[in-house]
Amino acid sequence: MSGSLFRPVEPLVAAAYAVLVFALVLIYRHAKDVRARLGVLLLSMILVFAFLLLFAPR
């Protein structure tokens, strides 16, 4: 078995996810309410799961 474990990610997709993660971190740091912080954490988990589904090996 040779090669990379994951498929290569397009640079534009990687940049979009980097911007999304940065925005989520900023929103999380400025959220005062516990429910807002939990919402941001849930959204980030969904995004990570979607990223893994898109670029996992087939």
Protein backbone atom coordinates (compact mmCIF):
# COMPACT_ATOMS: atom_id res chain seq x y z
CA MET A 1 0.00 0.00 0.00
CA SER A 2 1.66 3.17 -1.16
CA GLY A 3 0.66 6.77 -1.37
CA SER A 4 -1.13 9.09 0.95
CA LEU A 5 -3.77 7.97 3.40
CA PHE A 6 -6.11 10.81 2.40
CA ARG A 7 -6.94 12.25 -0.97
CA PRO A 8 -5.34 15.63 -1.74
CA VAL A 9 -7.40 18.64 -0.74
CA GLU A 10 -7.94 21.49 -3.14
CA PRO A 11 -6.19 24.65 -1.93
CA LEU A 12 -9.41 26.68 -2.22
CA VAL A 13 -11.29 24.18 -0.04
CA ALA A 14 -8.50 24.19 2.53
CA ALA A 15 -8.51 28.00 2.57
CA ALA A 16 -12.30 28.07 2.99
CA TYR A 17 -12.12 25.68 5.94
CA ALA A 18 -9.31 27.75 7.49
CA VAL A 19 -11.48 30.88 7.25
CA LEU A 20 -14.45 29.00 8.74
CA VAL A 21 -12.36 27.73 11.65
CA PHE A 22 -10.97 31.22 12.28
CA ALA A 23 -14.50 32.68 12.25
CA LEU A 24 -15.76 29.99 14.62
CA VAL A 25 -12.89 30.67 17.03
CA LEU A 26 -13.68 34.39 17.00
CA ILE A 27 -17.39 33.77 17.55
CA TYR A 28 -16.64 31.33 20.37
CA ARG A 29 -14.30 33.76 22.13
CA HIS A 30 -16.85 36.60 22.00
CA ALA A 31 -19.90 34.51 22.91
CA LYS A 32 -21.09 35.35 26.41
CA ASP A 33 -23.92 32.84 26.69
CA VAL A 34 -23.27 29.16 27.37
CA ARG A 35 -25.88 28.17 24.79
CA ALA A 36 -24.13 30.26 22.14
CA ARG A 37 -20.81 28.58 22.92
CA LEU A 38 -22.42 25.14 22.75
CA GLY A 39 -23.96 26.07 19.40
CA VAL A 40 -20.58 27.08 18.02
CA LEU A 41 -19.03 23.84 19.29
CA LEU A 42 -21.82 21.81 17.67
CA LEU A 43 -21.39 23.66 14.39
CA SER A 44 -17.65 23.08 14.44
CA MET A 45 -18.15 19.35 15.07
CA ILE A 46 -20.54 19.17 12.12
CA LEU A 47 -18.01 20.94 9.90
CA VAL A 48 -15.21 18.59 10.93
CA PHE A 49 -17.43 15.57 10.29
CA ALA A 50 -18.37 16.93 6.85
CA PHE A 51 -14.70 17.56 6.07
CA LEU A 52 -13.81 13.98 7.03
CA LEU A 53 -16.66 12.59 4.92
CA LEU A 54 -15.57 14.61 1.90
CA PHE A 55 -11.88 13.78 2.01
CA ALA A 56 -11.69 10.36 3.65
CA PRO A 57 -10.20 7.54 1.60
CA ARG A 58 -12.70 5.52 -0.39
